C-alpha cells in the first residue's frame, strides 16, 4: 500500500449521482490499496459520495477543503 495517488478525477460541477458513478468506475481501474484523488463540490456531492464509498468498502483517507471544492483521497477496498 502506497501513500501516492494513482489516479486523479476532477468532478467539479458534476451532479449527483453521476459523480459517484464516475468515482466508482475510476476505482474499478485501480488495485486494492491504491489511492484515488477526487475533486468534489461542497453540498450533496460531499455528503453522498464519501458515505457511498465507505458503504462499498473503500476507505476515505483524507478530506481537504479547497475553496468551493473538496479534495478527497480514497483508498480502494476489497
PDB file of N, CA and C in Angstrom:
ATOM      1  N   UNK A   1       0.850  -1.183   0.000  1.00  0.00           N
ATOM      2  CA  UNK A   1       0.000   0.000   0.000  1.00  0.00           C
ATOM      3  C   UNK A   1       0.891   1.240   0.000  1.00  0.00           C
ATOM      4  N   UNK A   2       0.568   2.141  -0.884  1.00  0.00           N
ATOM      5  CA  UNK A   2       1.389   3.336  -1.053  1.00  0.00           C
ATOM      6  C   UNK A   2       0.577   4.581  -0.725  1.00  0.00           C
ATOM      7  N   UNK A   3       1.276   5.605  -0.234  1.00  0.00           N
ATOM      8  CA  UNK A   3       0.604   6.870   0.044  1.00  0.00           C
ATOM      9  C   UNK A   3       0.370   7.668  -1.240  1.00  0.00           C
ATOM     10  N   UNK A   4       1.037   7.268  -2.319  1.00  0.00           N
ATOM     11  CA  UNK A   4       0.927   8.014  -3.567  1.00  0.00           C
ATOM     12  C   UNK A   4      -0.447   7.821  -4.202  1.00  0.00           C
ATOM     13  N   UNK A   5      -0.937   8.879  -4.803  1.00  0.00           N
ATOM     14  CA  UNK A   5      -2.211   8.824  -5.517  1.00  0.00           C
ATOM     15  C   UNK A   5      -1.948   8.233  -6.895  1.00  0.00           C
ATOM     16  N   UNK A   6      -2.686   7.203  -7.250  1.00  0.00           N
ATOM     17  CA  UNK A   6      -2.507   6.510  -8.525  1.00  0.00           C
ATOM     18  C   UNK A   6      -3.260   7.204  -9.659  1.00  0.00           C
ATOM     19  N   UNK A   7      -4.417   7.806  -9.330  1.00  0.00           N
ATOM     20  CA  UNK A   7      -5.266   8.406 -10.366  1.00  0.00           C
ATOM     21  C   UNK A   7      -5.961   9.628  -9.784  1.00  0.00           C
ATOM     22  N   UNK A   8      -6.227  10.627 -10.636  1.00  0.00           N
ATOM     23  CA  UNK A   8      -6.933  11.839 -10.214  1.00  0.00           C
ATOM     24  C   UNK A   8      -8.197  12.016 -11.038  1.00  0.00           C
ATOM     25  N   UNK A   9      -9.245  12.532 -10.379  1.00  0.00           N
ATOM     26  CA  UNK A   9     -10.536  12.710 -11.030  1.00  0.00           C
ATOM     27  C   UNK A   9     -11.114  14.040 -10.570  1.00  0.00           C
ATOM     28  N   UNK A  10     -11.323  14.960 -11.514  1.00  0.00           N
ATOM     29  CA  UNK A  10     -11.903  16.266 -11.173  1.00  0.00           C
ATOM     30  C   UNK A  10     -13.380  16.250 -11.527  1.00  0.00           C
ATOM     31  N   UNK A  11     -14.231  16.206 -10.496  1.00  0.00           N
ATOM     32  CA  UNK A  11     -15.679  16.150 -10.705  1.00  0.00           C
ATOM     33  C   UNK A  11     -16.355  17.453 -10.299  1.00  0.00           C
ATOM     34  N   UNK A  12     -15.598  18.543 -10.317  1.00  0.00           N
ATOM     35  CA  UNK A  12     -16.168  19.861 -10.021  1.00  0.00           C
ATOM     36  C   UNK A  12     -17.265  20.152 -11.039  1.00  0.00           C
ATOM     37  N   UNK A  13     -18.477  20.441 -10.557  1.00  0.00           N
ATOM     38  CA  UNK A  13     -19.591  20.748 -11.442  1.00  0.00           C
ATOM     39  C   UNK A  13     -20.413  19.543 -11.877  1.00  0.00           C
ATOM     40  N   UNK A  14     -19.980  18.336 -11.499  1.00  0.00           N
ATOM     41  CA  UNK A  14     -20.724  17.127 -11.856  1.00  0.00           C
ATOM     42  C   UNK A  14     -21.781  16.868 -10.780  1.00  0.00           C
ATOM     43  N   UNK A  15     -23.003  16.573 -11.176  1.00  0.00           N
ATOM     44  CA  UNK A  15     -24.104  16.420 -10.223  1.00  0.00           C
ATOM     45  C   UNK A  15     -24.273  14.977  -9.754  1.00  0.00           C
ATOM     46  N   UNK A  16     -24.918  14.823  -8.597  1.00  0.00           N
ATOM     47  CA  UNK A  16     -25.257  13.501  -8.059  1.00  0.00           C
ATOM     48  C   UNK A  16     -26.345  12.893  -8.939  1.00  0.00           C
ATOM     49  N   UNK A  17     -26.370  11.598  -9.153  1.00  0.00           N
ATOM     50  CA  UNK A  17     -25.421  10.592  -8.670  1.00  0.00           C
ATOM     51  C   UNK A  17     -24.280  10.334  -9.640  1.00  0.00           C
ATOM     52  N   UNK A  18     -24.163  11.153 -10.687  1.00  0.00           N
ATOM     53  CA  UNK A  18     -23.128  10.924 -11.693  1.00  0.00           C
ATOM     54  C   UNK A  18     -21.718  10.988 -11.106  1.00  0.00           C
ATOM     55  N   UNK A  19     -21.503  11.864 -10.122  1.00  0.00           N
ATOM     56  CA  UNK A  19     -20.157  11.955  -9.540  1.00  0.00           C
ATOM     57  C   UNK A  19     -19.778  10.665  -8.809  1.00  0.00           C
ATOM     58  N   UNK A  20     -20.751  10.006  -8.164  1.00  0.00           N
ATOM     59  CA  UNK A  20     -20.461   8.724  -7.509  1.00  0.00           C
ATOM     60  C   UNK A  20     -20.175   7.646  -8.549  1.00  0.00           C
ATOM     61  N   UNK A  21     -20.956   7.621  -9.612  1.00  0.00           N
ATOM     62  CA  UNK A  21     -20.767   6.620 -10.671  1.00  0.00           C
ATOM     63  C   UNK A  21     -19.378   6.766 -11.281  1.00  0.00           C
ATOM     64  N   UNK A  22     -18.979   7.990 -11.586  1.00  0.00           N
ATOM     65  CA  UNK A  22     -17.648   8.226 -12.177  1.00  0.00           C
ATOM     66  C   UNK A  22     -16.532   7.832 -11.199  1.00  0.00           C
ATOM     67  N   UNK A  23     -16.732   8.120  -9.911  1.00  0.00           N
ATOM     68  CA  UNK A  23     -15.740   7.738  -8.893  1.00  0.00           C
ATOM     69  C   UNK A  23     -15.629   6.221  -8.818  1.00  0.00           C
ATOM     70  N   UNK A  24     -16.765   5.560  -8.811  1.00  0.00           N
ATOM     71  CA  UNK A  24     -16.783   4.093  -8.735  1.00  0.00           C
ATOM     72  C   UNK A  24     -16.076   3.473  -9.939  1.00  0.00           C
ATOM     73  N   UNK A  25     -16.334   4.000 -11.132  1.00  0.00           N
ATOM     74  CA  UNK A  25     -15.682   3.490 -12.341  1.00  0.00           C
ATOM     75  C   UNK A  25     -14.170   3.694 -12.278  1.00  0.00           C
ATOM     76  N   UNK A  26     -13.735   4.838 -11.768  1.00  0.00           N
ATOM     77  CA  UNK A  26     -12.292   5.107 -11.645  1.00  0.00           C
ATOM     78  C   UNK A  26     -11.649   4.144 -10.658  1.00  0.00           C
ATOM     79  N   UNK A  27     -12.351   3.845  -9.557  1.00  0.00           N
ATOM     80  CA  UNK A  27     -11.812   2.906  -8.565  1.00  0.00           C
ATOM     81  C   UNK A  27     -11.695   1.498  -9.146  1.00  0.00           C
ATOM     82  N   UNK A  28     -12.582   1.140 -10.063  1.00  0.00           N
ATOM     83  CA  UNK A  28     -12.518  -0.194 -10.674  1.00  0.00           C
ATOM     84  C   UNK A  28     -11.229  -0.398 -11.460  1.00  0.00           C
ATOM     85  N   UNK A  29     -10.619   0.694 -11.908  1.00  0.00           N
ATOM     86  CA  UNK A  29      -9.367   0.604 -12.667  1.00  0.00           C
ATOM     87  C   UNK A  29      -8.154   0.424 -11.760  1.00  0.00           C
ATOM     88  N   UNK A  30      -8.335   0.593 -10.456  1.00  0.00           N
ATOM     89  CA  UNK A  30      -7.221   0.501  -9.512  1.00  0.00           C
ATOM     90  C   UNK A  30      -7.187  -0.859  -8.838  1.00  0.00           C
ATOM     91  N   UNK A  31      -6.026  -1.186  -8.289  1.00  0.00           N
ATOM     92  CA  UNK A  31      -5.875  -2.392  -7.478  1.00  0.00           C
ATOM     93  C   UNK A  31      -6.222  -2.061  -6.029  1.00  0.00           C
ATOM     94  N   UNK A  32      -6.571  -3.082  -5.262  1.00  0.00           N
ATOM     95  CA  UNK A  32      -6.867  -2.893  -3.834  1.00  0.00           C
ATOM     96  C   UNK A  32      -5.670  -2.219  -3.167  1.00  0.00           C
ATOM     97  N   UNK A  33      -5.952  -1.184  -2.376  1.00  0.00           N
ATOM     98  CA  UNK A  33      -4.887  -0.468  -1.658  1.00  0.00           C
ATOM     99  C   UNK A  33      -4.367   0.750  -2.397  1.00  0.00           C
ATOM    100  N   UNK A  34      -4.678   0.869  -3.693  1.00  0.00           N
ATOM    101  CA  UNK A  34      -4.245   2.054  -4.432  1.00  0.00           C
ATOM    102  C   UNK A  34      -5.195   3.210  -4.142  1.00  0.00           C
ATOM    103  N   UNK A  35      -4.699   4.426  -4.342  1.00  0.00           N
ATOM    104  CA  UNK A  35      -5.464   5.614  -3.968  1.00  0.00           C
ATOM    105  C   UNK A  35      -5.892   6.456  -5.152  1.00  0.00           C
ATOM    106  N   UNK A  36      -7.080   7.035  -4.986  1.00  0.00           N
ATOM    107  CA  UNK A  36      -7.690   7.901  -5.987  1.00  0.00           C
ATOM    108  C   UNK A  36      -7.943   9.259  -5.357  1.00  0.00           C
ATOM    109  N   UNK A  37      -7.574  10.311  -6.072  1.00  0.00           N
ATOM    110  CA  UNK A  37      -7.897  11.673  -5.630  1.00  0.00           C
ATOM    111  C   UNK A  37      -9.119  12.137  -6.415  1.00  0.00           C
ATOM    112  N   UNK A  38     -10.136  12.601  -5.690  1.00  0.00           N
ATOM    113  CA  UNK A  38     -11.363  13.069  -6.322  1.00  0.00           C
ATOM    114  C   UNK A  38     -11.635  14.500  -5.876  1.00  0.00           C
ATOM    115  N   UNK A  39     -11.942  15.375  -6.822  1.00  0.00           N
ATOM    116  CA  UNK A  39     -12.339  16.746  -6.518  1.00  0.00           C
ATOM    117  C   UNK A  39     -13.862  16.800  -6.609  1.00  0.00           C
ATOM    118  N   UNK A  40     -14.502  17.173  -5.492  1.00  0.00           N
ATOM    119  CA  UNK A  40     -15.958  17.215  -5.421  1.00  0.00           C
ATOM    120  C   UNK A  40     -16.430  18.586  -4.982  1.00  0.00           C
ATOM    121  N   UNK A  41     -17.623  18.963  -5.431  1.00  0.00           N
ATOM    122  CA  UNK A  41     -18.248  20.199  -4.970  1.00  0.00           C
ATOM    123  C   UNK A  41     -18.757  20.014  -3.545  1.00  0.00           C
ATOM    124  N   UNK A  42     -18.865  21.130  -2.813  1.00  0.00           N
ATOM    125  CA  UNK A  42     -19.467  21.047  -1.493  1.00  0.00           C
ATOM    126  C   UNK A  42     -20.959  20.774  -1.642  1.00  0.00           C
ATOM    127  N   UNK A  43     -21.616  20.413  -0.567  1.00  0.00           N
ATOM    128  CA  UNK A  43     -23.052  20.133  -0.634  1.00  0.00           C
ATOM    129  C   UNK A  43     -23.333  18.657  -0.811  1.00  0.00           C
ATOM    130  N   UNK A  44     -24.306  18.338  -1.669  1.00  0.00           N
ATOM    131  CA  UNK A  44     -24.736  16.951  -1.850  1.00  0.00           C
ATOM    132  C   UNK A  44     -23.588  16.016  -2.215  1.00  0.00           C
ATOM    133  N   UNK A  45     -22.703  16.458  -3.089  1.00  0.00           N
ATOM    134  CA  UNK A  45     -21.593  15.593  -3.508  1.00  0.00           C
ATOM    135  C   UNK A  45     -20.746  15.171  -2.307  1.00  0.00           C
ATOM    136  N   UNK A  46     -20.405  16.137  -1.454  1.00  0.00           N
ATOM    137  CA  UNK A  46     -19.571  15.814  -0.287  1.00  0.00           C
ATOM    138  C   UNK A  46     -20.344  15.018   0.768  1.00  0.00           C
ATOM    139  N   UNK A  47     -21.651  15.144   0.797  1.00  0.00           N
ATOM    140  CA  UNK A  47     -22.443  14.358   1.741  1.00  0.00           C
ATOM    141  C   UNK A  47     -22.599  12.917   1.265  1.00  0.00           C
ATOM    142  N   UNK A  48     -22.859  12.745  -0.007  1.00  0.00           N
ATOM    143  CA  UNK A  48     -23.238  11.428  -0.520  1.00  0.00           C
ATOM    144  C   UNK A  48     -22.091  10.553  -1.009  1.00  0.00           C
ATOM    145  N   UNK A  49     -21.136  11.126  -1.726  1.00  0.00           N
ATOM    146  CA  UNK A  49     -20.090  10.298  -2.331  1.00  0.00           C
ATOM    147  C   UNK A  49     -19.229   9.596  -1.275  1.00  0.00           C
ATOM    148  N   UNK A  50     -18.669  10.305  -0.278  1.00  0.00           N
ATOM    149  CA  UNK A  50     -17.851   9.590   0.722  1.00  0.00           C
ATOM    150  C   UNK A  50     -18.648   8.507   1.460  1.00  0.00           C
ATOM    151  N   UNK A  51     -19.894   8.800   1.811  1.00  0.00           N
ATOM    152  CA  UNK A  51     -20.714   7.823   2.523  1.00  0.00           C
ATOM    153  C   UNK A  51     -20.923   6.574   1.669  1.00  0.00           C
ATOM    154  N   UNK A  52     -21.252   6.775   0.395  1.00  0.00           N
ATOM    155  CA  UNK A  52     -21.479   5.641  -0.502  1.00  0.00           C
ATOM    156  C   UNK A  52     -20.206   4.825  -0.719  1.00  0.00           C
ATOM    157  N   UNK A  53     -19.067   5.502  -0.805  1.00  0.00           N
ATOM    158  CA  UNK A  53     -17.798   4.789  -0.977  1.00  0.00           C
ATOM    159  C   UNK A  53     -17.491   3.927   0.242  1.00  0.00           C
ATOM    160  N   UNK A  54     -17.717   4.476   1.441  1.00  0.00           N
ATOM    161  CA  UNK A  54     -17.490   3.698   2.670  1.00  0.00           C
ATOM    162  C   UNK A  54     -18.402   2.480   2.707  1.00  0.00           C
ATOM    163  N   UNK A  55     -19.671   2.653   2.301  1.00  0.00           N
ATOM    164  CA  UNK A  55     -20.620   1.535   2.283  1.00  0.00           C
ATOM    165  C   UNK A  55     -20.160   0.421   1.342  1.00  0.00           C
ATOM    166  N   UNK A  56     -19.400   0.777   0.325  1.00  0.00           N
ATOM    167  CA  UNK A  56     -18.899  -0.217  -0.633  1.00  0.00           C
ATOM    168  C   UNK A  56     -17.556  -0.808  -0.203  1.00  0.00           C
ATOM    169  N   UNK A  57     -17.040  -0.389   0.955  1.00  0.00           N
ATOM    170  CA  UNK A  57     -15.820  -0.994   1.477  1.00  0.00           C
ATOM    171  C   UNK A  57     -14.541  -0.241   1.190  1.00  0.00           C
ATOM    172  N   UNK A  58     -14.643   0.976   0.650  1.00  0.00           N
ATOM    173  CA  UNK A  58     -13.451   1.779   0.395  1.00  0.00           C
ATOM    174  C   UNK A  58     -13.155   2.638   1.624  1.00  0.00           C
ATOM    175  N   UNK A  59     -11.926   3.121   1.711  1.00  0.00           N
ATOM    176  CA  UNK A  59     -11.505   3.892   2.879  1.00  0.00           C
ATOM    177  C   UNK A  59     -11.248   5.342   2.489  1.00  0.00           C
ATOM    178  N   UNK A  60     -11.872   6.261   3.206  1.00  0.00           N
ATOM    179  CA  UNK A  60     -11.621   7.686   2.983  1.00  0.00           C
ATOM    180  C   UNK A  60     -10.376   8.045   3.798  1.00  0.00           C
ATOM    181  N   UNK A  61      -9.308   8.416   3.118  1.00  0.00           N
ATOM    182  CA  UNK A  61      -8.040   8.699   3.771  1.00  0.00           C
ATOM    183  C   UNK A  61      -7.983  10.142   4.255  1.00  0.00           C
ATOM    184  N   UNK A  62      -8.441  11.058   3.406  1.00  0.00           N
ATOM    185  CA  UNK A  62      -8.282  12.474   3.723  1.00  0.00           C
ATOM    186  C   UNK A  62      -9.320  13.287   2.965  1.00  0.00           C
ATOM    187  N   UNK A  63      -9.841  14.304   3.635  1.00  0.00           N
ATOM    188  CA  UNK A  63     -10.753  15.262   3.002  1.00  0.00           C
ATOM    189  C   UNK A  63     -10.193  16.655   3.270  1.00  0.00           C
ATOM    190  N   UNK A  64      -9.910  17.396   2.206  1.00  0.00           N
ATOM    191  CA  UNK A  64      -9.318  18.718   2.342  1.00  0.00           C
ATOM    192  C   UNK A  64     -10.183  19.753   1.635  1.00  0.00           C
ATOM    193  N   UNK A  65     -10.741  20.726   2.389  1.00  0.00           N
ATOM    194  CA  UNK A  65     -11.494  21.792   1.727  1.00  0.00           C
ATOM    195  C   UNK A  65     -10.546  22.688   0.926  1.00  0.00           C
ATOM    196  N   UNK A  66     -11.005  23.109  -0.242  1.00  0.00           N
ATOM    197  CA  UNK A  66     -10.178  23.967  -1.090  1.00  0.00           C
ATOM    198  C   UNK A  66     -11.108  24.928  -1.829  1.00  0.00           C
ATOM    199  N   UNK A  67     -11.494  26.005  -1.171  1.00  0.00           N
ATOM    200  CA  UNK A  67     -12.432  26.951  -1.765  1.00  0.00           C
ATOM    201  C   UNK A  67     -13.825  26.348  -1.819  1.00  0.00           C
ATOM    202  N   UNK A  68     -14.403  26.308  -3.025  1.00  0.00           N
ATOM    203  CA  UNK A  68     -15.748  25.765  -3.210  1.00  0.00           C
ATOM    204  C   UNK A  68     -15.757  24.256  -3.415  1.00  0.00           C
ATOM    205  N   UNK A  69     -14.592  23.651  -3.481  1.00  0.00           N
ATOM    206  CA  UNK A  69     -14.495  22.213  -3.720  1.00  0.00           C
ATOM    207  C   UNK A  69     -13.734  21.526  -2.579  1.00  0.00           C
ATOM    208  N   UNK A  70     -13.806  20.210  -2.592  1.00  0.00           N
ATOM    209  CA  UNK A  70     -13.087  19.393  -1.622  1.00  0.00           C
ATOM    210  C   UNK A  70     -12.219  18.394  -2.358  1.00  0.00           C
ATOM    211  N   UNK A  71     -11.032  18.149  -1.800  1.00  0.00           N
ATOM    212  CA  UNK A  71     -10.156  17.107  -2.331  1.00  0.00           C
ATOM    213  C   UNK A  71     -10.366  15.893  -1.422  1.00  0.00           C
ATOM    214  N   UNK A  72     -10.713  14.794  -2.029  1.00  0.00           N
ATOM    215  CA  UNK A  72     -10.983  13.562  -1.314  1.00  0.00           C
ATOM    216  C   UNK A  72      -9.952  12.524  -1.749  1.00  0.00           C
ATOM    217  N   UNK A  73      -9.274  11.902  -0.794  1.00  0.00           N
ATOM    218  CA  UNK A  73      -8.356  10.811  -1.119  1.00  0.00           C
ATOM    219  C   UNK A  73      -9.036   9.514  -0.665  1.00  0.00           C
ATOM    220  N   UNK A  74      -9.223   8.599  -1.608  1.00  0.00           N
ATOM    221  CA  UNK A  74      -9.912   7.345  -1.345  1.00  0.00           C
ATOM    222  C   UNK A  74      -8.967   6.174  -1.614  1.00  0.00           C
ATOM    223  N   UNK A  75      -8.923   5.244  -0.679  1.00  0.00           N
ATOM    224  CA  UNK A  75      -8.138   4.031  -0.891  1.00  0.00           C
ATOM    225  C   UNK A  75      -9.088   2.899  -1.269  1.00  0.00           C
ATOM    226  N   UNK A  76      -8.776   2.229  -2.365  1.00  0.00           N
ATOM    227  CA  UNK A  76      -9.661   1.158  -2.839  1.00  0.00           C
ATOM    228  C   UNK A  76      -9.671   0.009  -1.847  1.00  0.00           C
ATOM    229  N   UNK A  77     -10.881  -0.404  -1.488  1.00  0.00           N
ATOM    230  CA  UNK A  77     -11.057  -1.548  -0.598  1.00  0.00           C
ATOM    231  C   UNK A  77     -11.236  -2.824  -1.402  1.00  0.00           C
ATOM    232  N   UNK A  78     -11.592  -3.881  -0.708  1.00  0.00           N
ATOM    233  CA  UNK A  78     -11.740  -5.199  -1.336  1.00  0.00           C
ATOM    234  C   UNK A  78     -12.980  -5.253  -2.201  1.00  0.00           C
TER     235      UNK A  78
END
